[in-house]
Amino acid sequence: MPDHLLLPIIAFVLASGAVGGILLAAFYPRLIGGSPLDRRVEAILPSGDRTVRLAEGVGEKARKRSVKATLQEAEERQKGKMQKSYKPSLATRLRQANIDWTSRKYYLICVVAVAVVFLVFLGMLGLLPAAGLAMIGGPLLPHLYVGLKRKRRFEQFRSLFPDAIDVIVRGIKSGVPLGDCLKIIAIEAPEPVGAEFKTIVEDQALGLPLGEAVQRLPDRIPVAEASFFAIVIAVQSRTGGNLAEALSNLSGVLRDRKKMLGKIAAMSAEAKASGGIIGSLPIIVGGILYFTAPAYIGLLFTTLTGNLVLAACGLWMMIGVFVMKQMINFDF
């Protein structure tokens, strides 16, 4: 072989050997079934321990799949409620507001409210305006009362719920079973947290699994905090894991949400005050004019044109108040 061809062949062989050695060193553990450390550990471990390690790996994969499935179910349930434009029934609203009224009693109160509003405005405005206000304001007043009680109860639940979760975390860390922790909350926690946990304990005592009993909590208290708690308990009941750590993280998240709600309330306080002043100013000015110059403003109540103008102004005022409320209504 000529000398001028021998040198390139030797260089090619050496380069190929170097590249092959690098590739072999990189993929050698996969080719022989694991790293040297894994092989040495497998050689030392008995055959039963090897089976346990394999089962643990399979169990971890199954746990991840179960967690993913649980979260997907919760997301689909939430999307389903949003798509259905969920509106609670009258009985549900009364139960959520913790008002012991029946539907018959509620409608009877509406009838009484219609009569009271009609009698109040009959001498001031006349027959037709008083009848119109009675038909609108009578059913509206009980509805607003129930809505206000319901909203306040939800706010109280948000405020007290992180403390209840902290009690559960401390109980679990000290060795108390989760069921006993829920019983402690049901007995010791104030309304409405204690009453809702008491319902969970009663459902569980009737034979309902803990995960399903907790899943009913967001239906009774439709707030994000209750949904988070139900998801954590559902994941733990299906897959296991460190429940104390998960609930501790949830408590931190809920407290951060509470701080954010406080910041939002502080930032929107000025806008709410401005909206309240703007919305109440026409009513205040109209009331002052009615007592100081009744002949001047009385045309709005004694003539057909005045009634139409008054109705149109009231409609536009309601639209304006609704728009201002939506502008300062923050949700996250």
C-alpha atoms as a PDB file:
ATOM      1  CA  MET A   1       0.000   0.000   0.000  1.00  0.00           C
ATOM      2  CA  PRO A   2       1.434   3.416  -0.877  1.00  0.00           C
ATOM      3  CA  ASP A   3       2.585   5.525   2.037  1.00  0.00           C
ATOM      4  CA  HIS A   4       0.417   8.500   1.032  1.00  0.00           C
ATOM      5  CA  LEU A   5      -2.763   6.349   1.537  1.00  0.00           C
ATOM      6  CA  LEU A   6      -1.695   4.697   4.795  1.00  0.00           C
ATOM      7  CA  LEU A   7      -1.814   7.881   6.902  1.00  0.00           C
ATOM      8  CA  PRO A   8      -5.462   8.818   6.082  1.00  0.00           C
ATOM      9  CA  ILE A   9      -6.605   5.237   6.776  1.00  0.00           C
ATOM     10  CA  ILE A  10      -4.919   5.224  10.200  1.00  0.00           C
ATOM     11  CA  ALA A  11      -6.486   8.624  11.043  1.00  0.00           C
ATOM     12  CA  PHE A  12      -9.942   7.385  10.007  1.00  0.00           C
ATOM     13  CA  VAL A  13      -9.617   4.228  12.131  1.00  0.00           C
ATOM     14  CA  LEU A  14      -8.505   6.224  15.173  1.00  0.00           C
ATOM     15  CA  ALA A  15     -11.296   8.777  14.749  1.00  0.00           C
ATOM     16  CA  SER A  16     -13.914   6.025  14.352  1.00  0.00           C
ATOM     17  CA  GLY A  17     -12.613   4.287  17.481  1.00  0.00           C
ATOM     18  CA  ALA A  18     -12.787   7.537  19.463  1.00  0.00           C
ATOM     19  CA  VAL A  19     -16.353   8.292  18.353  1.00  0.00           C
ATOM     20  CA  GLY A  20     -17.426   4.706  19.054  1.00  0.00           C
ATOM     21  CA  GLY A  21     -15.876   4.835  22.522  1.00  0.00           C
ATOM     22  CA  ILE A  22     -17.736   8.072  23.355  1.00  0.00           C
ATOM     23  CA  LEU A  23     -21.053   6.627  22.172  1.00  0.00           C
ATOM     24  CA  LEU A  24     -20.458   3.395  24.081  1.00  0.00           C
ATOM     25  CA  ALA A  25     -19.665   5.296  27.274  1.00  0.00           C
ATOM     26  CA  ALA A  26     -22.817   7.397  26.895  1.00  0.00           C
ATOM     27  CA  PHE A  27     -25.248   4.560  26.145  1.00  0.00           C
ATOM     28  CA  TYR A  28     -23.553   1.698  27.979  1.00  0.00           C
ATOM     29  CA  PRO A  29     -25.866   1.739  31.043  1.00  0.00           C
ATOM     30  CA  ARG A  30     -28.954   1.499  28.823  1.00  0.00           C
ATOM     31  CA  LEU A  31     -27.461  -1.265  26.714  1.00  0.00           C
ATOM     32  CA  ILE A  32     -26.724  -3.470  29.714  1.00  0.00           C
ATOM     33  CA  GLY A  33     -29.840  -2.555  31.720  1.00  0.00           C
ATOM     34  CA  GLY A  34     -28.910   0.150  34.228  1.00  0.00           C
ATOM     35  CA  SER A  35     -25.959   2.002  35.708  1.00  0.00           C
ATOM     36  CA  PRO A  36     -23.159   0.176  37.598  1.00  0.00           C
ATOM     37  CA  LEU A  37     -24.593   1.457  40.886  1.00  0.00           C
ATOM     38  CA  ASP A  38     -28.016   0.011  40.064  1.00  0.00           C
ATOM     39  CA  ARG A  39     -26.481  -3.334  39.100  1.00  0.00           C
ATOM     40  CA  ARG A  40     -24.470  -3.487  42.320  1.00  0.00           C
ATOM     41  CA  VAL A  41     -27.553  -2.671  44.396  1.00  0.00           C
ATOM     42  CA  GLU A  42     -29.603  -5.286  42.537  1.00  0.00           C
ATOM     43  CA  ALA A  43     -26.861  -7.844  43.118  1.00  0.00           C
ATOM     44  CA  ILE A  44     -26.873  -7.142  46.866  1.00  0.00           C
ATOM     45  CA  LEU A  45     -30.651  -6.976  47.331  1.00  0.00           C
ATOM     46  CA  PRO A  46     -32.600 -10.209  47.711  1.00  0.00           C
ATOM     47  CA  SER A  47     -35.048 -11.183  45.011  1.00  0.00           C
ATOM     48  CA  GLY A  48     -38.046 -10.144  47.169  1.00  0.00           C
ATOM     49  CA  ASP A  49     -36.692  -6.602  47.575  1.00  0.00           C
ATOM     50  CA  ARG A  50     -36.233  -6.310  43.844  1.00  0.00           C
ATOM     51  CA  THR A  51     -39.915  -7.165  43.396  1.00  0.00           C
ATOM     52  CA  VAL A  52     -40.847  -4.521  45.978  1.00  0.00           C
ATOM     53  CA  ARG A  53     -38.854  -1.858  44.146  1.00  0.00           C
ATOM     54  CA  LEU A  54     -40.516  -2.790  40.869  1.00  0.00           C
ATOM     55  CA  ALA A  55     -43.932  -2.658  42.523  1.00  0.00           C
ATOM     56  CA  GLU A  56     -43.135   0.747  43.994  1.00  0.00           C
ATOM     57  CA  GLY A  57     -42.281   2.067  40.548  1.00  0.00           C
ATOM     58  CA  VAL A  58     -45.517   0.729  39.108  1.00  0.00           C
ATOM     59  CA  GLY A  59     -47.453   2.108  42.090  1.00  0.00           C
ATOM     60  CA  GLU A  60     -45.961   5.564  41.614  1.00  0.00           C
ATOM     61  CA  LYS A  61     -47.046   5.618  37.983  1.00  0.00           C
ATOM     62  CA  ALA A  62     -50.544   4.470  38.940  1.00  0.00           C
ATOM     63  CA  ARG A  63     -50.690   7.168  41.634  1.00  0.00           C
ATOM     64  CA  LYS A  64     -49.776   9.878  39.121  1.00  0.00           C
ATOM     65  CA  ARG A  65     -52.443   8.635  36.724  1.00  0.00           C
ATOM     66  CA  SER A  66     -55.023   8.628  39.534  1.00  0.00           C
ATOM     67  CA  VAL A  67     -54.113  12.183  40.567  1.00  0.00           C
ATOM     68  CA  LYS A  68     -54.396  13.338  36.970  1.00  0.00           C
ATOM     69  CA  ALA A  69     -57.781  11.645  36.580  1.00  0.00           C
ATOM     70  CA  THR A  70     -59.063  13.224  39.803  1.00  0.00           C
ATOM     71  CA  LEU A  71     -58.007  16.699  38.732  1.00  0.00           C
ATOM     72  CA  GLN A  72     -59.584  16.201  35.307  1.00  0.00           C
ATOM     73  CA  GLU A  73     -62.871  15.149  36.939  1.00  0.00           C
ATOM     74  CA  ALA A  74     -62.852  18.238  39.164  1.00  0.00           C
ATOM     75  CA  GLU A  75     -62.121  20.477  36.169  1.00  0.00           C
ATOM     76  CA  GLU A  76     -64.885  18.896  34.093  1.00  0.00           C
ATOM     77  CA  ARG A  77     -67.329  19.270  36.989  1.00  0.00           C
ATOM     78  CA  GLN A  78     -66.451  22.958  37.314  1.00  0.00           C
ATOM     79  CA  LYS A  79     -66.775  23.508  33.561  1.00  0.00           C
ATOM     80  CA  GLY A  80     -70.136  21.756  33.598  1.00  0.00           C
ATOM     81  CA  LYS A  81     -71.433  24.114  36.278  1.00  0.00           C
ATOM     82  CA  MET A  82     -70.208  27.134  34.344  1.00  0.00           C
ATOM     83  CA  GLN A  83     -71.756  25.931  31.079  1.00  0.00           C
ATOM     84  CA  LYS A  84     -75.113  25.245  32.742  1.00  0.00           C
ATOM     85  CA  SER A  85     -75.258  28.787  34.197  1.00  0.00           C
ATOM     86  CA  TYR A  86     -75.944  27.268  37.563  1.00  0.00           C
ATOM     87  CA  LYS A  87     -78.725  29.057  39.457  1.00  0.00           C
ATOM     88  CA  PRO A  88     -79.626  27.572  42.833  1.00  0.00           C
ATOM     89  CA  SER A  89     -83.248  26.875  43.616  1.00  0.00           C
ATOM     90  CA  LEU A  90     -85.148  28.739  46.315  1.00  0.00           C
ATOM     91  CA  ALA A  91     -84.741  25.891  48.799  1.00  0.00           C
ATOM     92  CA  THR A  92     -80.990  25.768  48.108  1.00  0.00           C
ATOM     93  CA  ARG A  93     -80.608  29.527  48.570  1.00  0.00           C
ATOM     94  CA  LEU A  94     -82.506  29.412  51.854  1.00  0.00           C
ATOM     95  CA  ARG A  95     -80.359  26.531  53.089  1.00  0.00           C
ATOM     96  CA  GLN A  96     -77.151  28.278  52.025  1.00  0.00           C
ATOM     97  CA  ALA A  97     -78.287  31.442  53.827  1.00  0.00           C
ATOM     98  CA  ASN A  98     -79.083  29.350  56.953  1.00  0.00           C
ATOM     99  CA  ILE A  99     -82.678  30.639  57.017  1.00  0.00           C
ATOM    100  CA  ASP A 100     -85.268  28.181  58.271  1.00  0.00           C
ATOM    101  CA  TRP A 101     -88.018  29.282  55.921  1.00  0.00           C
ATOM    102  CA  THR A 102     -90.087  27.003  53.784  1.00  0.00           C
ATOM    103  CA  SER A 103     -91.000  27.976  50.236  1.00  0.00           C
ATOM    104  CA  ARG A 104     -94.567  28.662  51.355  1.00  0.00           C
ATOM    105  CA  LYS A 105     -93.379  30.980  54.125  1.00  0.00           C
ATOM    106  CA  TYR A 106     -91.084  32.799  51.696  1.00  0.00           C
ATOM    107  CA  TYR A 107     -93.907  33.514  49.252  1.00  0.00           C
ATOM    108  CA  LEU A 108     -96.164  34.582  52.127  1.00  0.00           C
ATOM    109  CA  ILE A 109     -93.492  37.085  53.213  1.00  0.00           C
ATOM    110  CA  CYS A 110     -93.367  38.385  49.624  1.00  0.00           C
ATOM    111  CA  VAL A 111     -97.128  38.986  49.688  1.00  0.00           C
ATOM    112  CA  VAL A 112     -96.847  40.826  53.001  1.00  0.00           C
ATOM    113  CA  ALA A 113     -93.988  42.930  51.617  1.00  0.00           C
ATOM    114  CA  VAL A 114     -96.100  43.877  48.574  1.00  0.00           C
ATOM    115  CA  ALA A 115     -98.918  45.049  50.857  1.00  0.00           C
ATOM    116  CA  VAL A 116     -96.579  47.036  53.118  1.00  0.00           C
ATOM    117  CA  VAL A 117     -94.852  48.807  50.206  1.00  0.00           C
ATOM    118  CA  PHE A 118     -98.217  49.634  48.637  1.00  0.00           C
ATOM    119  CA  LEU A 119     -99.554  51.143  51.850  1.00  0.00           C
ATOM    120  CA  VAL A 120     -96.364  53.139  52.469  1.00  0.00           C
ATOM    121  CA  PHE A 121     -96.331  54.791  49.039  1.00  0.00           C
ATOM    122  CA  LEU A 122    -100.103  55.077  48.526  1.00  0.00           C
ATOM    123  CA  GLY A 123    -100.463  58.393  50.325  1.00  0.00           C
ATOM    124  CA  MET A 124     -97.206  59.781  48.914  1.00  0.00           C
ATOM    125  CA  LEU A 125     -97.399  58.873  45.223  1.00  0.00           C
ATOM    126  CA  GLY A 126    -100.937  57.844  44.409  1.00  0.00           C
ATOM    127  CA  LEU A 127    -102.604  54.583  43.425  1.00  0.00           C
ATOM    128  CA  LEU A 128    -100.813  53.611  40.197  1.00  0.00           C
ATOM    129  CA  PRO A 129     -97.215  54.519  41.238  1.00  0.00           C
ATOM    130  CA  ALA A 130     -97.714  52.830  44.606  1.00  0.00           C
ATOM    131  CA  ALA A 131     -99.061  49.691  42.915  1.00  0.00           C
ATOM    132  CA  GLY A 132     -96.099  49.620  40.510  1.00  0.00           C
ATOM    133  CA  LEU A 133     -93.561  50.019  43.287  1.00  0.00           C
ATOM    134  CA  ALA A 134     -95.333  47.392  45.368  1.00  0.00           C
ATOM    135  CA  MET A 135     -95.275  44.828  42.546  1.00  0.00           C
ATOM    136  CA  ILE A 136     -91.549  45.443  42.026  1.00  0.00           C
ATOM    137  CA  GLY A 137     -90.304  46.120  45.538  1.00  0.00           C
ATOM    138  CA  GLY A 138     -92.449  43.560  47.354  1.00  0.00           C
ATOM    139  CA  PRO A 139     -90.860  40.414  45.869  1.00  0.00           C
ATOM    140  CA  LEU A 140     -87.473  42.140  45.606  1.00  0.00           C
ATOM    141  CA  LEU A 141     -87.038  42.864  49.320  1.00  0.00           C
ATOM    142  CA  PRO A 142     -87.145  39.198  50.528  1.00  0.00           C
ATOM    143  CA  HIS A 143     -84.934  38.189  47.620  1.00  0.00           C
ATOM    144  CA  LEU A 144     -82.329  40.798  48.566  1.00  0.00           C
ATOM    145  CA  TYR A 145     -82.524  39.786  52.224  1.00  0.00           C
ATOM    146  CA  VAL A 146     -81.854  36.118  51.433  1.00  0.00           C
ATOM    147  CA  GLY A 147     -79.039  37.077  49.056  1.00  0.00           C
ATOM    148  CA  LEU A 148     -77.419  39.307  51.678  1.00  0.00           C
ATOM    149  CA  LYS A 149     -77.573  36.601  54.358  1.00  0.00           C
ATOM    150  CA  ARG A 150     -76.170  34.059  51.901  1.00  0.00           C
ATOM    151  CA  LYS A 151     -73.287  36.315  50.883  1.00  0.00           C
ATOM    152  CA  ARG A 152     -72.378  37.094  54.491  1.00  0.00           C
ATOM    153  CA  ARG A 153     -72.362  33.401  55.357  1.00  0.00           C
ATOM    154  CA  PHE A 154     -69.998  32.660  52.485  1.00  0.00           C
ATOM    155  CA  GLU A 155     -67.683  35.464  53.613  1.00  0.00           C
ATOM    156  CA  GLN A 156     -67.663  34.099  57.160  1.00  0.00           C
ATOM    157  CA  PHE A 157     -66.805  30.651  55.798  1.00  0.00           C
ATOM    158  CA  ARG A 158     -63.883  32.073  53.806  1.00  0.00           C
ATOM    159  CA  SER A 159     -62.610  33.887  56.870  1.00  0.00           C
ATOM    160  CA  LEU A 160     -62.757  30.910  59.260  1.00  0.00           C
ATOM    161  CA  PHE A 161     -61.891  28.059  56.903  1.00  0.00           C
ATOM    162  CA  PRO A 162     -58.053  28.447  56.943  1.00  0.00           C
ATOM    163  CA  ASP A 163     -58.052  28.197  60.758  1.00  0.00           C
ATOM    164  CA  ALA A 164     -60.065  24.976  60.545  1.00  0.00           C
ATOM    165  CA  ILE A 165     -57.577  23.514  58.064  1.00  0.00           C
ATOM    166  CA  ASP A 166     -54.699  24.436  60.394  1.00  0.00           C
ATOM    167  CA  VAL A 167     -56.430  22.517  63.193  1.00  0.00           C
ATOM    168  CA  ILE A 168     -56.705  19.472  60.903  1.00  0.00           C
ATOM    169  CA  VAL A 169     -53.016  19.742  59.963  1.00  0.00           C
ATOM    170  CA  ARG A 170     -51.898  19.900  63.594  1.00  0.00           C
ATOM    171  CA  GLY A 171     -54.157  16.975  64.484  1.00  0.00           C
ATOM    172  CA  ILE A 172     -52.816  14.785  61.667  1.00  0.00           C
ATOM    173  CA  LYS A 173     -49.208  15.613  62.541  1.00  0.00           C
ATOM    174  CA  SER A 174     -49.868  14.616  66.153  1.00  0.00           C
ATOM    175  CA  GLY A 175     -51.339  11.271  65.085  1.00  0.00           C
ATOM    176  CA  VAL A 176     -55.076  11.980  65.256  1.00  0.00           C
ATOM    177  CA  PRO A 177     -57.098  10.299  62.435  1.00  0.00           C
ATOM    178  CA  LEU A 178     -58.664  12.538  59.827  1.00  0.00           C
ATOM    179  CA  GLY A 179     -62.199  11.542  60.836  1.00  0.00           C
ATOM    180  CA  ASP A 180     -61.588  12.600  64.437  1.00  0.00           C
ATOM    181  CA  CYS A 181     -60.113  15.898  63.238  1.00  0.00           C
ATOM    182  CA  LEU A 182     -63.303  16.583  61.282  1.00  0.00           C
ATOM    183  CA  LYS A 183     -65.358  15.818  64.393  1.00  0.00           C
ATOM    184  CA  ILE A 184     -63.291  18.308  66.393  1.00  0.00           C
ATOM    185  CA  ILE A 185     -63.953  20.999  63.775  1.00  0.00           C
ATOM    186  CA  ALA A 186     -67.658  20.139  63.766  1.00  0.00           C
ATOM    187  CA  ILE A 187     -67.852  20.615  67.545  1.00  0.00           C
ATOM    188  CA  GLU A 188     -65.434  23.475  68.183  1.00  0.00           C
ATOM    189  CA  ALA A 189     -65.530  25.656  65.054  1.00  0.00           C
ATOM    190  CA  PRO A 190     -68.042  28.532  64.928  1.00  0.00           C
ATOM    191  CA  GLU A 191     -70.833  28.877  62.377  1.00  0.00           C
ATOM    192  CA  PRO A 192     -70.802  28.276  59.434  1.00  0.00           C
ATOM    193  CA  VAL A 193     -67.654  26.096  59.347  1.00  0.00           C
ATOM    194  CA  GLY A 194     -68.763  23.945  62.283  1.00  0.00           C
ATOM    195  CA  ALA A 195     -72.211  23.302  60.810  1.00  0.00           C
ATOM    196  CA  GLU A 196     -70.817  22.289  57.412  1.00  0.00           C
ATOM    197  CA  PHE A 197     -68.241  19.929  58.935  1.00  0.00           C
ATOM    198  CA  LYS A 198     -70.966  18.490  61.123  1.00  0.00           C
ATOM    199  CA  THR A 199     -72.878  17.649  57.955  1.00  0.00           C
ATOM    200  CA  ILE A 200     -69.767  15.948  56.553  1.00  0.00           C
ATOM    201  CA  VAL A 201     -69.381  13.872  59.730  1.00  0.00           C
ATOM    202  CA  GLU A 202     -73.077  12.910  59.653  1.00  0.00           C
ATOM    203  CA  ASP A 203     -72.851  11.854  55.989  1.00  0.00           C
ATOM    204  CA  GLN A 204     -69.804   9.757  56.795  1.00  0.00           C
ATOM    205  CA  ALA A 205     -71.585   8.166  59.773  1.00  0.00           C
ATOM    206  CA  LEU A 206     -74.429   7.150  57.455  1.00  0.00           C
ATOM    207  CA  GLY A 207     -71.989   5.136  55.347  1.00  0.00           C
ATOM    208  CA  LEU A 208     -70.897   7.640  52.712  1.00  0.00           C
ATOM    209  CA  PRO A 209     -67.143   7.495  51.946  1.00  0.00           C
ATOM    210  CA  LEU A 210     -65.137  10.449  53.186  1.00  0.00           C
ATOM    211  CA  GLY A 211     -64.181  11.590  49.687  1.00  0.00           C
ATOM    212  CA  GLU A 212     -67.803  11.668  48.523  1.00  0.00           C
ATOM    213  CA  ALA A 213     -68.965  13.352  51.749  1.00  0.00           C
ATOM    214  CA  VAL A 214     -66.439  16.133  51.262  1.00  0.00           C
ATOM    215  CA  GLN A 215     -67.377  16.448  47.573  1.00  0.00           C
ATOM    216  CA  ARG A 216     -70.811  17.666  48.700  1.00  0.00           C
ATOM    217  CA  LEU A 217     -69.290  20.636  50.537  1.00  0.00           C
ATOM    218  CA  PRO A 218     -68.847  22.832  47.391  1.00  0.00           C
ATOM    219  CA  ASP A 219     -72.524  22.223  46.549  1.00  0.00           C
ATOM    220  CA  ARG A 220     -73.625  23.591  49.925  1.00  0.00           C
ATOM    221  CA  ILE A 221     -70.968  26.351  50.059  1.00  0.00           C
ATOM    222  CA  PRO A 222     -70.168  27.243  46.412  1.00  0.00           C
ATOM    223  CA  VAL A 223     -66.866  29.040  47.026  1.00  0.00           C
ATOM    224  CA  ALA A 224     -63.408  28.281  45.637  1.00  0.00           C
ATOM    225  CA  GLU A 225     -61.984  27.443  49.071  1.00  0.00           C
ATOM    226  CA  ALA A 226     -64.432  24.569  49.555  1.00  0.00           C
ATOM    227  CA  SER A 227     -63.650  23.249  46.063  1.00  0.00           C
ATOM    228  CA  PHE A 228     -59.897  23.273  46.793  1.00  0.00           C
ATOM    229  CA  PHE A 229     -60.429  21.329  50.021  1.00  0.00           C
ATOM    230  CA  ALA A 230     -62.652  18.776  48.286  1.00  0.00           C
ATOM    231  CA  ILE A 231     -60.031  18.221  45.571  1.00  0.00           C
ATOM    232  CA  VAL A 232     -57.238  17.688  48.117  1.00  0.00           C
ATOM    233  CA  ILE A 233     -59.285  15.156  50.095  1.00  0.00           C
ATOM    234  CA  ALA A 234     -60.398  13.365  46.901  1.00  0.00           C
ATOM    235  CA  VAL A 235     -56.804  13.050  45.666  1.00  0.00           C
ATOM    236  CA  GLN A 236     -55.586  11.812  49.050  1.00  0.00           C
ATOM    237  CA  SER A 237     -58.395   9.276  49.400  1.00  0.00           C
ATOM    238  CA  ARG A 238     -57.642   7.799  45.981  1.00  0.00           C
ATOM    239  CA  THR A 239     -53.841   7.942  45.846  1.00  0.00           C
ATOM    240  CA  GLY A 240     -52.612   8.428  49.422  1.00  0.00           C
ATOM    241  CA  GLY A 241     -49.702  10.713  50.219  1.00  0.00           C
ATOM    242  CA  ASN A 242     -48.783  13.256  52.857  1.00  0.00           C
ATOM    243  CA  LEU A 243     -52.158  14.790  53.697  1.00  0.00           C
ATOM    244  CA  ALA A 244     -50.727  17.090  56.376  1.00  0.00           C
ATOM    245  CA  GLU A 245     -48.337  18.699  53.904  1.00  0.00           C
ATOM    246  CA  ALA A 246     -51.031  19.059  51.233  1.00  0.00           C
ATOM    247  CA  LEU A 247     -53.476  20.691  53.665  1.00  0.00           C
ATOM    248  CA  SER A 248     -50.720  22.945  55.017  1.00  0.00           C
ATOM    249  CA  ASN A 249     -50.018  24.167  51.483  1.00  0.00           C
ATOM    250  CA  LEU A 250     -53.753  24.652  50.949  1.00  0.00           C
ATOM    251  CA  SER A 251     -53.980  26.740  54.120  1.00  0.00           C
ATOM    252  CA  GLY A 252     -51.192  28.977  52.846  1.00  0.00           C
ATOM    253  CA  VAL A 253     -52.954  29.394  49.499  1.00  0.00           C
ATOM    254  CA  LEU A 254     -56.243  30.297  51.183  1.00  0.00           C
ATOM    255  CA  ARG A 255     -54.565  32.868  53.414  1.00  0.00           C
ATOM    256  CA  ASP A 256     -52.879  34.407  50.364  1.00  0.00           C
ATOM    257  CA  ARG A 257     -56.287  34.588  48.658  1.00  0.00           C
ATOM    258  CA  LYS A 258     -57.682  36.296  51.748  1.00  0.00           C
ATOM    259  CA  LYS A 259     -54.902  38.884  51.617  1.00  0.00           C
ATOM    260  CA  MET A 260     -55.591  39.438  47.922  1.00  0.00           C
ATOM    261  CA  LEU A 261     -59.296  39.965  48.635  1.00  0.00           C
ATOM    262  CA  GLY A 262     -58.346  42.568  51.246  1.00  0.00           C
ATOM    263  CA  LYS A 263     -56.118  44.384  48.751  1.00  0.00           C
ATOM    264  CA  ILE A 264     -58.884  44.337  46.137  1.00  0.00           C
ATOM    265  CA  ALA A 265     -61.385  45.716  48.671  1.00  0.00           C
ATOM    266  CA  ALA A 266     -58.980  48.513  49.591  1.00  0.00           C
ATOM    267  CA  MET A 267     -58.287  49.392  45.961  1.00  0.00           C
ATOM    268  CA  SER A 268     -61.970  49.396  44.973  1.00  0.00           C
ATOM    269  CA  ALA A 269     -63.251  51.235  48.086  1.00  0.00           C
ATOM    270  CA  GLU A 270     -63.046  54.644  46.403  1.00  0.00           C
ATOM    271  CA  ALA A 271     -64.873  53.419  43.295  1.00  0.00           C
ATOM    272  CA  LYS A 272     -67.590  51.817  45.438  1.00  0.00           C
ATOM    273  CA  ALA A 273     -68.058  55.026  47.411  1.00  0.00           C
ATOM    274  CA  SER A 274     -68.295  57.062  44.207  1.00  0.00           C
ATOM    275  CA  GLY A 275     -70.833  54.648  42.760  1.00  0.00           C
ATOM    276  CA  GLY A 276     -72.927  54.778  45.939  1.00  0.00           C
ATOM    277  CA  ILE A 277     -72.936  58.578  45.951  1.00  0.00           C
ATOM    278  CA  ILE A 278     -73.823  58.803  42.270  1.00  0.00           C
ATOM    279  CA  GLY A 279     -76.584  56.214  42.634  1.00  0.00           C
ATOM    280  CA  SER A 280     -78.158  57.771  45.720  1.00  0.00           C
ATOM    281  CA  LEU A 281     -77.841  61.416  44.661  1.00  0.00           C
ATOM    282  CA  PRO A 282     -80.974  61.528  42.422  1.00  0.00           C
ATOM    283  CA  ILE A 283     -83.082  59.897  45.153  1.00  0.00           C
ATOM    284  CA  ILE A 284     -81.819  62.334  47.812  1.00  0.00           C
ATOM    285  CA  VAL A 285     -82.337  65.381  45.591  1.00  0.00           C
ATOM    286  CA  GLY A 286     -85.811  64.171  44.577  1.00  0.00           C
ATOM    287  CA  GLY A 287     -86.770  63.646  48.225  1.00  0.00           C
ATOM    288  CA  ILE A 288     -85.572  67.131  49.185  1.00  0.00           C
ATOM    289  CA  LEU A 289     -87.524  68.698  46.322  1.00  0.00           C
ATOM    290  CA  TYR A 290     -90.628  66.715  47.265  1.00  0.00           C
ATOM    291  CA  PHE A 291     -90.645  68.205  50.764  1.00  0.00           C
ATOM    292  CA  THR A 292     -89.487  71.730  49.815  1.00  0.00           C
ATOM    293  CA  ALA A 293     -91.363  72.257  46.525  1.00  0.00           C
ATOM    294  CA  PRO A 294     -94.039  69.553  46.167  1.00  0.00           C
ATOM    295  CA  ALA A 295     -95.870  71.439  43.398  1.00  0.00           C
ATOM    296  CA  TYR A 296     -92.711  71.620  41.304  1.00  0.00           C
ATOM    297  CA  ILE A 297     -91.873  67.917  41.423  1.00  0.00           C
ATOM    298  CA  GLY A 298     -95.445  66.692  41.843  1.00  0.00           C
ATOM    299  CA  LEU A 299     -95.934  66.723  38.055  1.00  0.00           C
ATOM    300  CA  LEU A 300     -93.815  63.568  37.853  1.00  0.00           C
ATOM    301  CA  PHE A 301     -96.428  61.696  39.903  1.00  0.00           C
ATOM    302  CA  THR A 302     -99.701  63.332  38.872  1.00  0.00           C
ATOM    303  CA  THR A 303     -99.395  63.390  35.067  1.00  0.00           C
ATOM    304  CA  LEU A 304     -98.932  60.594  32.536  1.00  0.00           C
ATOM    305  CA  THR A 305     -95.937  62.318  30.963  1.00  0.00           C
ATOM    306  CA  GLY A 306     -94.341  62.699  34.375  1.00  0.00           C
ATOM    307  CA  ASN A 307     -94.918  59.018  35.126  1.00  0.00           C
ATOM    308  CA  LEU A 308     -93.271  58.000  31.855  1.00  0.00           C
ATOM    309  CA  VAL A 309     -90.309  60.297  32.544  1.00  0.00           C
ATOM    310  CA  LEU A 310     -89.992  58.924  36.073  1.00  0.00           C
ATOM    311  CA  ALA A 311     -90.090  55.326  34.829  1.00  0.00           C
ATOM    312  CA  ALA A 312     -87.485  56.035  32.132  1.00  0.00           C
ATOM    313  CA  CYS A 313     -85.193  57.764  34.649  1.00  0.00           C
ATOM    314  CA  GLY A 314     -85.537  54.865  37.068  1.00  0.00           C
ATOM    315  CA  LEU A 315     -84.674  52.377  34.309  1.00  0.00           C
ATOM    316  CA  TRP A 316     -81.594  54.328  33.259  1.00  0.00           C
ATOM    317  CA  MET A 317     -80.520  54.661  36.886  1.00  0.00           C
ATOM    318  CA  MET A 318     -80.733  50.889  37.376  1.00  0.00           C
ATOM    319  CA  ILE A 319     -78.706  50.321  34.203  1.00  0.00           C
ATOM    320  CA  GLY A 320     -76.083  52.821  35.360  1.00  0.00           C
ATOM    321  CA  VAL A 321     -75.806  51.249  38.816  1.00  0.00           C
ATOM    322  CA  PHE A 322     -75.482  47.793  37.249  1.00  0.00           C
ATOM    323  CA  VAL A 323     -72.684  48.970  34.920  1.00  0.00           C
ATOM    324  CA  MET A 324     -70.807  50.649  37.774  1.00  0.00           C
ATOM    325  CA  LYS A 325     -71.135  47.513  39.889  1.00  0.00           C
ATOM    326  CA  GLN A 326     -69.697  45.357  37.120  1.00  0.00           C
ATOM    327  CA  MET A 327     -66.797  47.765  36.650  1.00  0.00           C
ATOM    328  CA  ILE A 328     -65.701  47.413  40.291  1.00  0.00           C
ATOM    329  CA  ASN A 329     -66.534  43.724  40.673  1.00  0.00           C
ATOM    330  CA  PHE A 330     -63.231  41.811  40.766  1.00  0.00           C
ATOM    331  CA  ASP A 331     -63.154  38.035  40.631  1.00  0.00           C
ATOM    332  CA  PHE A 332     -60.130  35.717  40.633  1.00  0.00           C
END
